[in-house]
Amino acid sequence: MFRKFAAATALFCLGLTALTGCSGKLSTEETCDYLNQQIKEREINMKFETGDIKLAKGETGDYESALEEFDAMLKDTAGKTGDKQLQESLISAAGQSTSALKILADDSSDFEAQMESISELNTASQQQNTEYLGTACPNLDSVG
């Protein structure tokens, strides 16, 4: 009896390993699909469009809110993927969002200085860190 159970369990885990690595983590493709689904369900692009319009007027609140939600979504997705390189890329992108949020929250500088500081976040190193995201998820919806 025990041998039948052990054999069935081993066979089940072997099947799961083929599908998910027995880790419960998403594959690269599943991660990209999950992220796209979250972007659509949460209407992130619409929130950024609304935020962009207000940002042009110097009002940062809606843009900050969209950025916070996107940042949380990237971190959540990073925790779900089994692709370590994609995980690092998502965490790096979230880090850039977090840095942008800190700049927008700083009331001591004017709007133009904030925008300049945000554009300086897009360094060669940062681009390299997030480059794999575009490679792994070529059909990822554009955000922001």
C-alpha atoms as a PDB file:
ATOM      1  CA  MET A   1       0.000   0.000   0.000  1.00  0.00           C
ATOM      2  CA  PHE A   2       2.729   2.440   0.999  1.00  0.00           C
ATOM      3  CA  ARG A   3       4.686   1.688  -2.186  1.00  0.00           C
ATOM      4  CA  LYS A   4       1.658   2.435  -4.359  1.00  0.00           C
ATOM      5  CA  PHE A   5       1.156   5.753  -2.561  1.00  0.00           C
ATOM      6  CA  ALA A   6       4.851   6.656  -2.810  1.00  0.00           C
ATOM      7  CA  ALA A   7       4.934   5.728  -6.488  1.00  0.00           C
ATOM      8  CA  ALA A   8       1.806   7.765  -7.201  1.00  0.00           C
ATOM      9  CA  THR A   9       3.222  10.747  -5.292  1.00  0.00           C
ATOM     10  CA  ALA A  10       6.538  10.524  -7.135  1.00  0.00           C
ATOM     11  CA  LEU A  11       4.745  10.311 -10.478  1.00  0.00           C
ATOM     12  CA  PHE A  12       2.557  13.277  -9.570  1.00  0.00           C
ATOM     13  CA  CYS A  13       5.564  15.384  -8.563  1.00  0.00           C
ATOM     14  CA  LEU A  14       7.384  14.374 -11.739  1.00  0.00           C
ATOM     15  CA  GLY A  15       4.419  15.593 -13.765  1.00  0.00           C
ATOM     16  CA  LEU A  16       4.306  18.833 -11.813  1.00  0.00           C
ATOM     17  CA  THR A  17       8.032  19.293 -12.284  1.00  0.00           C
ATOM     18  CA  ALA A  18       7.554  19.131 -16.021  1.00  0.00           C
ATOM     19  CA  LEU A  19       4.843  21.765 -15.817  1.00  0.00           C
ATOM     20  CA  THR A  20       5.960  24.106 -13.052  1.00  0.00           C
ATOM     21  CA  GLY A  21       9.220  22.853 -11.660  1.00  0.00           C
ATOM     22  CA  CYS A  22       7.246  21.621  -8.608  1.00  0.00           C
ATOM     23  CA  SER A  23       7.851  25.061  -7.157  1.00  0.00           C
ATOM     24  CA  GLY A  24       4.478  26.638  -7.782  1.00  0.00           C
ATOM     25  CA  LYS A  25       6.242  29.480  -9.600  1.00  0.00           C
ATOM     26  CA  LEU A  26       5.110  30.812 -12.963  1.00  0.00           C
ATOM     27  CA  SER A  27       7.101  30.119 -16.111  1.00  0.00           C
ATOM     28  CA  THR A  28       8.484  33.078 -18.054  1.00  0.00           C
ATOM     29  CA  GLU A  29       5.558  33.052 -20.476  1.00  0.00           C
ATOM     30  CA  GLU A  30       3.021  32.665 -17.662  1.00  0.00           C
ATOM     31  CA  THR A  31       4.655  35.560 -15.806  1.00  0.00           C
ATOM     32  CA  CYS A  32       4.394  37.815 -18.854  1.00  0.00           C
ATOM     33  CA  ASP A  33       0.765  36.801 -19.380  1.00  0.00           C
ATOM     34  CA  TYR A  34       0.018  37.432 -15.696  1.00  0.00           C
ATOM     35  CA  LEU A  35       1.604  40.892 -15.827  1.00  0.00           C
ATOM     36  CA  ASN A  36      -0.309  41.815 -18.997  1.00  0.00           C
ATOM     37  CA  GLN A  37      -3.530  40.588 -17.401  1.00  0.00           C
ATOM     38  CA  GLN A  38      -2.891  42.712 -14.301  1.00  0.00           C
ATOM     39  CA  ILE A  39      -2.122  45.796 -16.420  1.00  0.00           C
ATOM     40  CA  LYS A  40      -5.437  45.371 -18.253  1.00  0.00           C
ATOM     41  CA  GLU A  41      -7.570  44.429 -15.234  1.00  0.00           C
ATOM     42  CA  ARG A  42      -6.304  47.316 -13.144  1.00  0.00           C
ATOM     43  CA  GLU A  43      -6.499  49.727 -16.098  1.00  0.00           C
ATOM     44  CA  ILE A  44      -2.960  50.894 -15.387  1.00  0.00           C
ATOM     45  CA  ASN A  45      -2.526  52.556 -18.785  1.00  0.00           C
ATOM     46  CA  MET A  46      -5.682  54.627 -18.310  1.00  0.00           C
ATOM     47  CA  LYS A  47      -4.506  55.651 -14.847  1.00  0.00           C
ATOM     48  CA  PHE A  48      -1.147  56.740 -16.239  1.00  0.00           C
ATOM     49  CA  GLU A  49      -2.832  58.676 -19.065  1.00  0.00           C
ATOM     50  CA  THR A  50      -4.984  60.544 -16.543  1.00  0.00           C
ATOM     51  CA  GLY A  51      -1.937  61.087 -14.360  1.00  0.00           C
ATOM     52  CA  ASP A  52       0.122  62.346 -17.316  1.00  0.00           C
ATOM     53  CA  ILE A  53      -2.478  64.988 -18.146  1.00  0.00           C
ATOM     54  CA  LYS A  54      -2.510  66.251 -14.577  1.00  0.00           C
ATOM     55  CA  LEU A  55       1.262  65.910 -14.310  1.00  0.00           C
ATOM     56  CA  ALA A  56       1.628  68.324 -17.228  1.00  0.00           C
ATOM     57  CA  LYS A  57      -0.285  70.831 -15.087  1.00  0.00           C
ATOM     58  CA  GLY A  58       2.026  70.219 -12.142  1.00  0.00           C
ATOM     59  CA  GLU A  59      -0.419  68.011 -10.234  1.00  0.00           C
ATOM     60  CA  THR A  60       1.407  64.835  -9.221  1.00  0.00           C
ATOM     61  CA  GLY A  61      -1.228  63.007  -7.136  1.00  0.00           C
ATOM     62  CA  ASP A  62      -2.848  60.824  -9.814  1.00  0.00           C
ATOM     63  CA  TYR A  63       0.496  59.971 -11.394  1.00  0.00           C
ATOM     64  CA  GLU A  64       1.925  59.036  -7.992  1.00  0.00           C
ATOM     65  CA  SER A  65      -1.081  56.805  -7.351  1.00  0.00           C
ATOM     66  CA  ALA A  66      -0.670  55.020 -10.707  1.00  0.00           C
ATOM     67  CA  LEU A  67       3.060  54.635 -10.085  1.00  0.00           C
ATOM     68  CA  GLU A  68       2.451  53.173  -6.617  1.00  0.00           C
ATOM     69  CA  GLU A  69       0.008  50.634  -8.016  1.00  0.00           C
ATOM     70  CA  PHE A  70       2.355  49.705 -10.871  1.00  0.00           C
ATOM     71  CA  ASP A  71       5.284  49.405  -8.447  1.00  0.00           C
ATOM     72  CA  ALA A  72       3.283  47.027  -6.238  1.00  0.00           C
ATOM     73  CA  MET A  73       2.219  45.019  -9.279  1.00  0.00           C
ATOM     74  CA  LEU A  74       5.847  44.611 -10.430  1.00  0.00           C
ATOM     75  CA  LYS A  75       6.927  43.458  -6.968  1.00  0.00           C
ATOM     76  CA  ASP A  76       3.998  41.031  -6.746  1.00  0.00           C
ATOM     77  CA  THR A  77       4.802  39.586 -10.169  1.00  0.00           C
ATOM     78  CA  ALA A  78       8.501  39.273  -9.294  1.00  0.00           C
ATOM     79  CA  GLY A  79       7.516  37.095  -6.352  1.00  0.00           C
ATOM     80  CA  LYS A  80       5.457  34.788  -8.552  1.00  0.00           C
ATOM     81  CA  THR A  81       7.972  34.017 -11.312  1.00  0.00           C
ATOM     82  CA  GLY A  82      10.368  31.110 -11.434  1.00  0.00           C
ATOM     83  CA  ASP A  83      12.588  32.962 -13.934  1.00  0.00           C
ATOM     84  CA  LYS A  84      15.333  34.472 -11.763  1.00  0.00           C
ATOM     85  CA  GLN A  85      16.532  36.878 -14.458  1.00  0.00           C
ATOM     86  CA  LEU A  86      12.989  38.113 -15.055  1.00  0.00           C
ATOM     87  CA  GLN A  87      12.530  38.438 -11.299  1.00  0.00           C
ATOM     88  CA  GLU A  88      15.631  40.649 -11.092  1.00  0.00           C
ATOM     89  CA  SER A  89      14.419  42.725 -14.028  1.00  0.00           C
ATOM     90  CA  LEU A  90      10.992  43.238 -12.441  1.00  0.00           C
ATOM     91  CA  ILE A  91      12.571  44.193  -9.117  1.00  0.00           C
ATOM     92  CA  SER A  92      14.851  46.658 -10.902  1.00  0.00           C
ATOM     93  CA  ALA A  93      11.882  48.229 -12.700  1.00  0.00           C
ATOM     94  CA  ALA A  94      10.022  48.449  -9.393  1.00  0.00           C
ATOM     95  CA  GLY A  95      13.072  50.098  -7.836  1.00  0.00           C
ATOM     96  CA  GLN A  96      13.005  52.730 -10.546  1.00  0.00           C
ATOM     97  CA  SER A  97       9.306  53.343  -9.842  1.00  0.00           C
ATOM     98  CA  THR A  98      10.021  53.656  -6.123  1.00  0.00           C
ATOM     99  CA  SER A  99      12.760  56.202  -6.825  1.00  0.00           C
ATOM    100  CA  ALA A 100      10.411  58.203  -9.040  1.00  0.00           C
ATOM    101  CA  LEU A 101       7.786  58.171  -6.284  1.00  0.00           C
ATOM    102  CA  LYS A 102      10.300  59.561  -3.795  1.00  0.00           C
ATOM    103  CA  ILE A 103      11.192  62.360  -6.198  1.00  0.00           C
ATOM    104  CA  LEU A 104       7.533  63.255  -6.760  1.00  0.00           C
ATOM    105  CA  ALA A 105       6.849  63.199  -3.022  1.00  0.00           C
ATOM    106  CA  ASP A 106       9.656  65.689  -2.365  1.00  0.00           C
ATOM    107  CA  ASP A 107       7.901  69.024  -2.073  1.00  0.00           C
ATOM    108  CA  SER A 108      11.168  70.925  -1.689  1.00  0.00           C
ATOM    109  CA  SER A 109      11.880  70.971  -5.442  1.00  0.00           C
ATOM    110  CA  ASP A 110       9.807  72.444  -8.230  1.00  0.00           C
ATOM    111  CA  PHE A 111       8.049  70.418 -10.904  1.00  0.00           C
ATOM    112  CA  GLU A 112      10.713  70.926 -13.585  1.00  0.00           C
ATOM    113  CA  ALA A 113      13.464  69.817 -11.209  1.00  0.00           C
ATOM    114  CA  GLN A 114      11.424  66.743 -10.317  1.00  0.00           C
ATOM    115  CA  MET A 115      10.978  65.825 -13.992  1.00  0.00           C
ATOM    116  CA  GLU A 116      14.698  66.260 -14.609  1.00  0.00           C
ATOM    117  CA  SER A 117      15.517  64.053 -11.624  1.00  0.00           C
ATOM    118  CA  ILE A 118      13.128  61.379 -12.863  1.00  0.00           C
ATOM    119  CA  SER A 119      14.664  61.415 -16.342  1.00  0.00           C
ATOM    120  CA  GLU A 120      18.094  60.941 -14.736  1.00  0.00           C
ATOM    121  CA  LEU A 121      16.874  57.637 -13.266  1.00  0.00           C
ATOM    122  CA  ASN A 122      16.982  56.103 -16.739  1.00  0.00           C
ATOM    123  CA  THR A 123      20.717  55.367 -16.693  1.00  0.00           C
ATOM    124  CA  ALA A 124      22.566  52.869 -18.865  1.00  0.00           C
ATOM    125  CA  SER A 125      22.865  50.590 -15.852  1.00  0.00           C
ATOM    126  CA  GLN A 126      19.122  50.787 -15.176  1.00  0.00           C
ATOM    127  CA  GLN A 127      18.346  50.097 -18.823  1.00  0.00           C
ATOM    128  CA  GLN A 128      20.607  47.056 -18.742  1.00  0.00           C
ATOM    129  CA  ASN A 129      18.900  45.774 -15.584  1.00  0.00           C
ATOM    130  CA  THR A 130      15.438  46.020 -17.114  1.00  0.00           C
ATOM    131  CA  GLU A 131      16.385  45.013 -20.667  1.00  0.00           C
ATOM    132  CA  TYR A 132      15.546  41.357 -20.062  1.00  0.00           C
ATOM    133  CA  LEU A 133      11.961  42.333 -19.277  1.00  0.00           C
ATOM    134  CA  GLY A 134      11.530  43.430 -22.901  1.00  0.00           C
ATOM    135  CA  THR A 135      13.299  40.323 -24.173  1.00  0.00           C
ATOM    136  CA  ALA A 136      11.376  37.861 -22.009  1.00  0.00           C
ATOM    137  CA  CYS A 137       8.033  39.607 -22.520  1.00  0.00           C
ATOM    138  CA  PRO A 138       8.083  41.024 -26.065  1.00  0.00           C
ATOM    139  CA  ASN A 139       4.281  41.356 -26.070  1.00  0.00           C
ATOM    140  CA  LEU A 140       4.132  43.206 -22.759  1.00  0.00           C
ATOM    141  CA  ASP A 141       1.749  46.144 -22.857  1.00  0.00           C
ATOM    142  CA  SER A 142       3.509  49.478 -22.801  1.00  0.00           C
ATOM    143  CA  VAL A 143       2.940  51.299 -19.520  1.00  0.00           C
ATOM    144  CA  GLY A 144       3.386  54.882 -18.441  1.00  0.00           C
END
